[in-house]
Amino acid sequence: MIKNSFLKLLSFFIVIAIVVNLLVAFRIIAFEGRGFGIFAIINIIIVYFYFRFKNKEIEK
């Protein structure tokens, strides 16, 4: 139950990250300085945890 809600939360953040990345790619919004790099690192960490927990769920 907890893992399922955790996966839903992570998938929500992944969708938000994809939307923000597309907005940056099309120059609709802009990150100044290190902001986008930090955001990208956080995205990678979120995607890592999402697939890690999703794979554990599939194995069971």
N, C-alpha and C. Protein backbone atom coordinates (compact mmCIF):
# COMPACT_ATOMS: atom_id res chain seq x y z
N MET A 1 0.83 -1.19 0.00
CA MET A 1 0.00 0.00 0.00
C MET A 1 0.87 1.26 0.00
N ILE A 2 1.88 1.24 0.87
CA ILE A 2 2.77 2.41 0.94
C ILE A 2 3.57 2.53 -0.35
N LYS A 3 4.05 1.40 -0.87
CA LYS A 3 4.83 1.44 -2.10
C LYS A 3 3.98 1.94 -3.26
N ASN A 4 2.71 1.52 -3.29
CA ASN A 4 1.83 1.94 -4.37
C ASN A 4 1.62 3.45 -4.35
N SER A 5 1.39 4.02 -3.18
CA SER A 5 1.21 5.47 -3.09
C SER A 5 2.53 6.20 -3.37
N PHE A 6 3.64 5.58 -2.97
CA PHE A 6 4.95 6.17 -3.25
C PHE A 6 5.21 6.21 -4.75
N LEU A 7 4.84 5.13 -5.45
CA LEU A 7 5.01 5.10 -6.90
C LEU A 7 4.12 6.13 -7.58
N LYS A 8 2.91 6.32 -7.07
CA LYS A 8 2.03 7.34 -7.63
C LYS A 8 2.62 8.73 -7.44
N LEU A 9 3.21 8.98 -6.28
CA LEU A 9 3.84 10.27 -6.01
C LEU A 9 5.04 10.48 -6.93
N LEU A 10 5.86 9.45 -7.08
CA LEU A 10 7.02 9.57 -7.97
C LEU A 10 6.59 9.77 -9.42
N SER A 11 5.55 9.07 -9.84
CA SER A 11 5.09 9.25 -11.22
C SER A 11 4.55 10.66 -11.44
N PHE A 12 3.93 11.24 -10.42
CA PHE A 12 3.47 12.63 -10.51
C PHE A 12 4.65 13.57 -10.71
N PHE A 13 5.72 13.37 -9.93
CA PHE A 13 6.91 14.22 -10.07
C PHE A 13 7.59 14.02 -11.43
N ILE A 14 7.54 12.80 -11.96
CA ILE A 14 8.13 12.55 -13.27
C ILE A 14 7.37 13.31 -14.35
N VAL A 15 6.04 13.32 -14.25
CA VAL A 15 5.24 14.07 -15.22
C VAL A 15 5.54 15.56 -15.13
N ILE A 16 5.63 16.08 -13.91
CA ILE A 16 5.98 17.50 -13.72
C ILE A 16 7.36 17.79 -14.31
N ALA A 17 8.31 16.89 -14.09
CA ALA A 17 9.66 17.08 -14.61
C ALA A 17 9.67 17.09 -16.14
N ILE A 18 8.90 16.20 -16.75
CA ILE A 18 8.84 16.16 -18.21
C ILE A 18 8.24 17.46 -18.75
N VAL A 19 7.18 17.93 -18.12
CA VAL A 19 6.56 19.18 -18.56
C VAL A 19 7.53 20.34 -18.44
N VAL A 20 8.23 20.43 -17.31
CA VAL A 20 9.19 21.53 -17.13
C VAL A 20 10.33 21.43 -18.14
N ASN A 21 10.81 20.22 -18.38
CA ASN A 21 11.88 20.05 -19.37
C ASN A 21 11.43 20.47 -20.76
N LEU A 22 10.20 20.15 -21.13
CA LEU A 22 9.69 20.58 -22.43
C LEU A 22 9.54 22.10 -22.50
N LEU A 23 9.09 22.70 -21.42
CA LEU A 23 8.97 24.16 -21.39
C LEU A 23 10.33 24.83 -21.54
N VAL A 24 11.34 24.26 -20.91
CA VAL A 24 12.70 24.80 -21.04
C VAL A 24 13.22 24.58 -22.46
N ALA A 25 12.94 23.41 -23.03
CA ALA A 25 13.43 23.10 -24.37
C ALA A 25 12.85 24.06 -25.41
N PHE A 26 11.61 24.45 -25.23
CA PHE A 26 10.99 25.37 -26.19
C PHE A 26 11.11 26.83 -25.76
N ARG A 27 11.97 27.08 -24.78
CA ARG A 27 12.29 28.45 -24.33
C ARG A 27 11.07 29.21 -23.81
N ILE A 28 10.10 28.50 -23.27
CA ILE A 28 8.94 29.16 -22.67
C ILE A 28 9.29 29.65 -21.27
N ILE A 29 10.07 28.84 -20.55
CA ILE A 29 10.61 29.29 -19.26
C ILE A 29 12.12 29.12 -19.31
N ALA A 30 12.80 29.79 -18.42
CA ALA A 30 14.26 29.72 -18.40
C ALA A 30 14.76 29.54 -16.97
N PHE A 31 15.77 28.71 -16.84
CA PHE A 31 16.46 28.57 -15.56
C PHE A 31 17.73 29.40 -15.64
N GLU A 32 18.03 30.09 -14.60
CA GLU A 32 19.24 30.90 -14.55
C GLU A 32 20.33 30.15 -13.79
N GLY A 33 21.52 30.16 -14.32
CA GLY A 33 22.67 29.61 -13.62
C GLY A 33 22.58 28.11 -13.41
N ARG A 34 22.78 27.70 -12.16
CA ARG A 34 22.84 26.28 -11.83
C ARG A 34 21.47 25.66 -11.61
N GLY A 35 20.43 26.43 -11.68
CA GLY A 35 19.09 25.93 -11.37
C GLY A 35 18.68 24.73 -12.20
N PHE A 36 18.94 24.77 -13.50
CA PHE A 36 18.52 23.67 -14.36
C PHE A 36 19.36 22.43 -14.12
N GLY A 37 20.64 22.60 -13.83
CA GLY A 37 21.49 21.45 -13.54
C GLY A 37 21.05 20.72 -12.29
N ILE A 38 20.72 21.48 -11.26
CA ILE A 38 20.23 20.88 -10.02
C ILE A 38 18.89 20.19 -10.27
N PHE A 39 18.02 20.83 -11.04
CA PHE A 39 16.73 20.25 -11.39
C PHE A 39 16.91 18.94 -12.16
N ALA A 40 17.87 18.90 -13.08
CA ALA A 40 18.12 17.69 -13.86
C ALA A 40 18.63 16.56 -12.98
N ILE A 41 19.50 16.87 -12.03
CA ILE A 41 20.01 15.84 -11.12
C ILE A 41 18.88 15.28 -10.27
N ILE A 42 18.01 16.14 -9.78
CA ILE A 42 16.86 15.68 -8.99
C ILE A 42 15.95 14.81 -9.85
N ASN A 43 15.76 15.17 -11.11
CA ASN A 43 14.95 14.35 -12.03
C ASN A 43 15.55 12.95 -12.18
N ILE A 44 16.85 12.88 -12.35
CA ILE A 44 17.51 11.58 -12.51
C ILE A 44 17.32 10.73 -11.27
N ILE A 45 17.45 11.33 -10.09
CA ILE A 45 17.26 10.59 -8.84
C ILE A 45 15.82 10.09 -8.72
N ILE A 46 14.85 10.93 -9.05
CA ILE A 46 13.44 10.53 -8.97
C ILE A 46 13.15 9.38 -9.93
N VAL A 47 13.65 9.46 -11.16
CA VAL A 47 13.42 8.39 -12.13
C VAL A 47 14.10 7.10 -11.67
N TYR A 48 15.29 7.20 -11.08
CA TYR A 48 15.99 6.02 -10.56
C TYR A 48 15.14 5.32 -9.51
N PHE A 49 14.63 6.06 -8.53
CA PHE A 49 13.82 5.45 -7.48
C PHE A 49 12.51 4.89 -8.03
N TYR A 50 11.93 5.57 -9.00
CA TYR A 50 10.68 5.08 -9.59
C TYR A 50 10.89 3.71 -10.22
N PHE A 51 11.90 3.58 -11.06
CA PHE A 51 12.12 2.30 -11.73
C PHE A 51 12.64 1.24 -10.78
N ARG A 52 13.36 1.63 -9.76
CA ARG A 52 13.83 0.67 -8.77
C ARG A 52 12.64 0.04 -8.04
N PHE A 53 11.71 0.85 -7.58
CA PHE A 53 10.55 0.32 -6.87
C PHE A 53 9.58 -0.37 -7.83
N LYS A 54 9.47 0.11 -9.04
CA LYS A 54 8.59 -0.52 -10.03
C LYS A 54 9.09 -1.91 -10.38
N ASN A 55 10.40 -2.08 -10.52
CA ASN A 55 10.97 -3.39 -10.82
C ASN A 55 10.77 -4.36 -9.67
N LYS A 56 10.89 -3.88 -8.44
CA LYS A 56 10.64 -4.75 -7.28
C LYS A 56 9.18 -5.19 -7.25
N GLU A 57 8.28 -4.30 -7.65
CA GLU A 57 6.86 -4.64 -7.68
C GLU A 57 6.58 -5.68 -8.76
N ILE A 58 7.24 -5.59 -9.88
CA ILE A 58 7.03 -6.53 -10.98
C ILE A 58 7.58 -7.91 -10.62
N GLU A 59 8.72 -7.96 -9.91
CA GLU A 59 9.34 -9.23 -9.55
C GLU A 59 8.48 -10.05 -8.60
N LYS A 60 7.65 -9.40 -7.81
CA LYS A 60 6.83 -10.14 -6.83
C LYS A 60 5.67 -10.83 -7.44
